[in-house]
């Protein structure tokens, strides 16, 4: 784990694209957020765990073949907003698809969007200009 800037806290770490790494990513992001002032208990930390799990799992499942490592970045802004980004090298940008009653999967990004919105935050996707993208969420740490 690398802290990139002490004045404006940023933490970045790489993960191999293996599903066993999802729990490690979740633990690292939560530990960093708690160190920066997020309560270790409550709805927001639970939301953060679920969101990180979903974003990292998606990157591994859908981009793992083209991605030697998944890059997770955690940043806290001066106004107390926590930003988490998950970067991979696959060019496809996921969309939160409307599920049907018969769908067994594909609801993850809809759930992420709903949880982040409920927490007063937002989510998005940024292509990196080199064929990859970062899927990110931002939530107030309150």
C-alpha atoms as a PDB file:
ATOM      1  CA  UNK A   1       0.000   0.000   0.000  1.00  0.00           C
ATOM      2  CA  UNK A   2       1.387   3.392  -0.945  1.00  0.00           C
ATOM      3  CA  UNK A   3       0.406   6.707   0.598  1.00  0.00           C
ATOM      4  CA  UNK A   4       0.970   9.199  -2.198  1.00  0.00           C
ATOM      5  CA  UNK A   5       0.415  12.505  -0.434  1.00  0.00           C
ATOM      6  CA  UNK A   6       0.294  13.340   3.272  1.00  0.00           C
ATOM      7  CA  UNK A   7      -1.334  16.780   2.793  1.00  0.00           C
ATOM      8  CA  UNK A   8      -4.304  15.334   0.890  1.00  0.00           C
ATOM      9  CA  UNK A   9      -4.475  11.669   1.859  1.00  0.00           C
ATOM     10  CA  UNK A  10      -4.270   9.277  -1.064  1.00  0.00           C
ATOM     11  CA  UNK A  11      -3.603   5.555  -0.836  1.00  0.00           C
ATOM     12  CA  UNK A  12      -2.985   3.296  -3.829  1.00  0.00           C
ATOM     13  CA  UNK A  13      -2.455  -0.446  -4.013  1.00  0.00           C
ATOM     14  CA  UNK A  14      -2.284  -3.088  -6.725  1.00  0.00           C
ATOM     15  CA  UNK A  15      -3.986  -6.474  -6.620  1.00  0.00           C
ATOM     16  CA  UNK A  16      -3.524  -9.492  -8.864  1.00  0.00           C
ATOM     17  CA  UNK A  17      -6.739 -10.233 -10.775  1.00  0.00           C
ATOM     18  CA  UNK A  18      -7.811 -13.184  -8.602  1.00  0.00           C
ATOM     19  CA  UNK A  19     -11.140 -13.396  -6.789  1.00  0.00           C
ATOM     20  CA  UNK A  20      -9.341 -14.308  -3.561  1.00  0.00           C
ATOM     21  CA  UNK A  21      -8.077 -10.695  -3.522  1.00  0.00           C
ATOM     22  CA  UNK A  22     -11.548  -9.162  -3.150  1.00  0.00           C
ATOM     23  CA  UNK A  23     -11.593  -9.552   0.627  1.00  0.00           C
ATOM     24  CA  UNK A  24      -8.076  -8.082   0.892  1.00  0.00           C
ATOM     25  CA  UNK A  25      -9.164  -5.035  -1.116  1.00  0.00           C
ATOM     26  CA  UNK A  26     -12.232  -4.587   1.063  1.00  0.00           C
ATOM     27  CA  UNK A  27     -10.175  -4.796   4.281  1.00  0.00           C
ATOM     28  CA  UNK A  28      -7.525  -2.362   3.006  1.00  0.00           C
ATOM     29  CA  UNK A  29     -10.003   0.264   1.832  1.00  0.00           C
ATOM     30  CA  UNK A  30     -11.999   0.102   5.067  1.00  0.00           C
ATOM     31  CA  UNK A  31      -8.821   0.259   7.192  1.00  0.00           C
ATOM     32  CA  UNK A  32      -7.632   3.355   5.324  1.00  0.00           C
ATOM     33  CA  UNK A  33     -11.038   5.054   5.572  1.00  0.00           C
ATOM     34  CA  UNK A  34     -11.248   4.337   9.311  1.00  0.00           C
ATOM     35  CA  UNK A  35      -7.711   5.666   9.788  1.00  0.00           C
ATOM     36  CA  UNK A  36      -8.871   8.854   8.037  1.00  0.00           C
ATOM     37  CA  UNK A  37     -11.852   9.281  10.341  1.00  0.00           C
ATOM     38  CA  UNK A  38     -14.702   7.101   9.051  1.00  0.00           C
ATOM     39  CA  UNK A  39     -16.591   5.380  11.863  1.00  0.00           C
ATOM     40  CA  UNK A  40     -15.740   1.671  11.970  1.00  0.00           C
ATOM     41  CA  UNK A  41     -19.407   0.946  12.693  1.00  0.00           C
ATOM     42  CA  UNK A  42     -22.546   1.967  10.897  1.00  0.00           C
ATOM     43  CA  UNK A  43     -24.195   2.090   7.534  1.00  0.00           C
ATOM     44  CA  UNK A  44     -21.466   3.942   5.660  1.00  0.00           C
ATOM     45  CA  UNK A  45     -18.714   1.443   6.440  1.00  0.00           C
ATOM     46  CA  UNK A  46     -21.091  -1.378   5.462  1.00  0.00           C
ATOM     47  CA  UNK A  47     -21.844   0.441   2.202  1.00  0.00           C
ATOM     48  CA  UNK A  48     -18.128   0.880   1.583  1.00  0.00           C
ATOM     49  CA  UNK A  49     -17.468  -2.841   2.094  1.00  0.00           C
ATOM     50  CA  UNK A  50     -20.192  -3.831  -0.352  1.00  0.00           C
ATOM     51  CA  UNK A  51     -19.192  -1.240  -2.966  1.00  0.00           C
ATOM     52  CA  UNK A  52     -15.500  -2.181  -2.886  1.00  0.00           C
ATOM     53  CA  UNK A  53     -16.396  -5.869  -3.137  1.00  0.00           C
ATOM     54  CA  UNK A  54     -18.600  -5.250  -6.155  1.00  0.00           C
ATOM     55  CA  UNK A  55     -16.194  -2.964  -8.026  1.00  0.00           C
ATOM     56  CA  UNK A  56     -13.144  -5.169  -7.467  1.00  0.00           C
ATOM     57  CA  UNK A  57     -15.088  -8.341  -8.310  1.00  0.00           C
ATOM     58  CA  UNK A  58     -16.327  -6.761 -11.556  1.00  0.00           C
ATOM     59  CA  UNK A  59     -12.809  -5.689 -12.528  1.00  0.00           C
ATOM     60  CA  UNK A  60     -11.459  -9.176 -11.876  1.00  0.00           C
ATOM     61  CA  UNK A  61     -14.288 -11.055 -13.604  1.00  0.00           C
ATOM     62  CA  UNK A  62     -14.655  -8.827 -16.637  1.00  0.00           C
ATOM     63  CA  UNK A  63     -11.151  -7.443 -17.134  1.00  0.00           C
ATOM     64  CA  UNK A  64      -8.841  -9.895 -15.393  1.00  0.00           C
ATOM     65  CA  UNK A  65      -7.684 -11.497 -18.631  1.00  0.00           C
ATOM     66  CA  UNK A  66      -6.405  -8.156 -19.989  1.00  0.00           C
ATOM     67  CA  UNK A  67      -5.278  -6.727 -16.670  1.00  0.00           C
ATOM     68  CA  UNK A  68      -2.057  -7.833 -14.962  1.00  0.00           C
ATOM     69  CA  UNK A  69      -3.137  -5.963 -11.841  1.00  0.00           C
ATOM     70  CA  UNK A  70      -6.180  -4.145 -10.547  1.00  0.00           C
ATOM     71  CA  UNK A  71      -5.308  -0.733  -9.096  1.00  0.00           C
ATOM     72  CA  UNK A  72      -7.354   0.549  -6.161  1.00  0.00           C
ATOM     73  CA  UNK A  73      -7.035   4.202  -5.165  1.00  0.00           C
ATOM     74  CA  UNK A  74      -8.538   5.717  -2.025  1.00  0.00           C
ATOM     75  CA  UNK A  75      -8.524   9.481  -1.581  1.00  0.00           C
ATOM     76  CA  UNK A  76      -9.937  11.875   1.004  1.00  0.00           C
ATOM     77  CA  UNK A  77     -10.712  15.405  -0.082  1.00  0.00           C
ATOM     78  CA  UNK A  78     -10.361  18.503   2.083  1.00  0.00           C
ATOM     79  CA  UNK A  79     -14.132  18.674   2.483  1.00  0.00           C
ATOM     80  CA  UNK A  80     -14.383  15.119   3.876  1.00  0.00           C
ATOM     81  CA  UNK A  81     -15.382  13.182   0.774  1.00  0.00           C
ATOM     82  CA  UNK A  82     -14.009   9.672   0.363  1.00  0.00           C
ATOM     83  CA  UNK A  83     -13.228   8.723  -3.234  1.00  0.00           C
ATOM     84  CA  UNK A  84     -12.543   5.078  -4.170  1.00  0.00           C
ATOM     85  CA  UNK A  85     -11.488   4.137  -7.692  1.00  0.00           C
ATOM     86  CA  UNK A  86     -10.862   0.702  -9.206  1.00  0.00           C
ATOM     87  CA  UNK A  87      -8.798   0.719 -12.400  1.00  0.00           C
ATOM     88  CA  UNK A  88      -8.378  -2.037 -14.971  1.00  0.00           C
ATOM     89  CA  UNK A  89      -7.070  -2.202 -18.527  1.00  0.00           C
ATOM     90  CA  UNK A  90     -10.193  -3.456 -20.267  1.00  0.00           C
ATOM     91  CA  UNK A  91     -11.759  -0.926 -22.664  1.00  0.00           C
ATOM     92  CA  UNK A  92     -15.391  -1.924 -22.015  1.00  0.00           C
ATOM     93  CA  UNK A  93     -17.235   0.514 -19.759  1.00  0.00           C
ATOM     94  CA  UNK A  94     -19.926  -1.253 -17.711  1.00  0.00           C
ATOM     95  CA  UNK A  95     -23.420   0.089 -17.446  1.00  0.00           C
ATOM     96  CA  UNK A  96     -25.950  -0.495 -14.700  1.00  0.00           C
ATOM     97  CA  UNK A  97     -28.396  -2.574 -16.714  1.00  0.00           C
ATOM     98  CA  UNK A  98     -32.037  -2.801 -15.773  1.00  0.00           C
ATOM     99  CA  UNK A  99     -32.549  -6.286 -14.456  1.00  0.00           C
ATOM    100  CA  UNK A 100     -35.491  -8.532 -15.100  1.00  0.00           C
ATOM    101  CA  UNK A 101     -37.134 -10.952 -12.702  1.00  0.00           C
ATOM    102  CA  UNK A 102     -35.269 -13.887 -14.255  1.00  0.00           C
ATOM    103  CA  UNK A 103     -31.750 -12.400 -14.027  1.00  0.00           C
ATOM    104  CA  UNK A 104     -29.326 -14.252 -11.749  1.00  0.00           C
ATOM    105  CA  UNK A 105     -26.635 -11.593 -11.976  1.00  0.00           C
ATOM    106  CA  UNK A 106     -25.995  -8.126 -13.341  1.00  0.00           C
ATOM    107  CA  UNK A 107     -27.559  -6.181 -10.497  1.00  0.00           C
ATOM    108  CA  UNK A 108     -24.318  -5.198  -8.765  1.00  0.00           C
ATOM    109  CA  UNK A 109     -23.847  -1.774 -10.315  1.00  0.00           C
ATOM    110  CA  UNK A 110     -27.499  -0.925  -9.733  1.00  0.00           C
ATOM    111  CA  UNK A 111     -27.041  -1.781  -6.072  1.00  0.00           C
ATOM    112  CA  UNK A 112     -23.790   0.211  -5.918  1.00  0.00           C
ATOM    113  CA  UNK A 113     -25.497   3.234  -7.475  1.00  0.00           C
ATOM    114  CA  UNK A 114     -28.447   3.011  -5.078  1.00  0.00           C
ATOM    115  CA  UNK A 115     -26.256   2.662  -1.976  1.00  0.00           C
ATOM    116  CA  UNK A 116     -23.906   5.460  -2.984  1.00  0.00           C
ATOM    117  CA  UNK A 117     -26.831   7.775  -3.794  1.00  0.00           C
ATOM    118  CA  UNK A 118     -28.467   6.946  -0.461  1.00  0.00           C
ATOM    119  CA  UNK A 119     -25.175   7.851   1.272  1.00  0.00           C
ATOM    120  CA  UNK A 120     -25.213  11.250  -0.463  1.00  0.00           C
ATOM    121  CA  UNK A 121     -22.511  10.367  -2.962  1.00  0.00           C
ATOM    122  CA  UNK A 122     -22.077   9.670  -6.641  1.00  0.00           C
ATOM    123  CA  UNK A 123     -20.428   7.135  -8.939  1.00  0.00           C
ATOM    124  CA  UNK A 124     -18.960   7.132 -12.401  1.00  0.00           C
ATOM    125  CA  UNK A 125     -16.567   5.708 -14.949  1.00  0.00           C
ATOM    126  CA  UNK A 126     -13.532   7.460 -16.402  1.00  0.00           C
ATOM    127  CA  UNK A 127     -11.761   6.030 -19.455  1.00  0.00           C
ATOM    128  CA  UNK A 128      -8.001   6.446 -19.043  1.00  0.00           C
ATOM    129  CA  UNK A 129      -7.149   7.204 -22.673  1.00  0.00           C
ATOM    130  CA  UNK A 130      -4.993   4.064 -22.907  1.00  0.00           C
ATOM    131  CA  UNK A 131      -7.751   1.487 -23.336  1.00  0.00           C
ATOM    132  CA  UNK A 132      -8.652   1.062 -19.668  1.00  0.00           C
ATOM    133  CA  UNK A 133     -10.916   2.780 -17.184  1.00  0.00           C
ATOM    134  CA  UNK A 134     -11.512   3.598 -13.552  1.00  0.00           C
ATOM    135  CA  UNK A 135     -14.869   2.862 -11.980  1.00  0.00           C
ATOM    136  CA  UNK A 136     -15.242   5.136  -8.959  1.00  0.00           C
ATOM    137  CA  UNK A 137     -17.488   6.198  -6.130  1.00  0.00           C
ATOM    138  CA  UNK A 138     -17.409   9.258  -3.888  1.00  0.00           C
ATOM    139  CA  UNK A 139     -19.242   9.482  -0.568  1.00  0.00           C
ATOM    140  CA  UNK A 140     -19.203  12.051   2.233  1.00  0.00           C
ATOM    141  CA  UNK A 141     -17.492  10.624   5.320  1.00  0.00           C
ATOM    142  CA  UNK A 142     -19.874  12.553   7.652  1.00  0.00           C
END
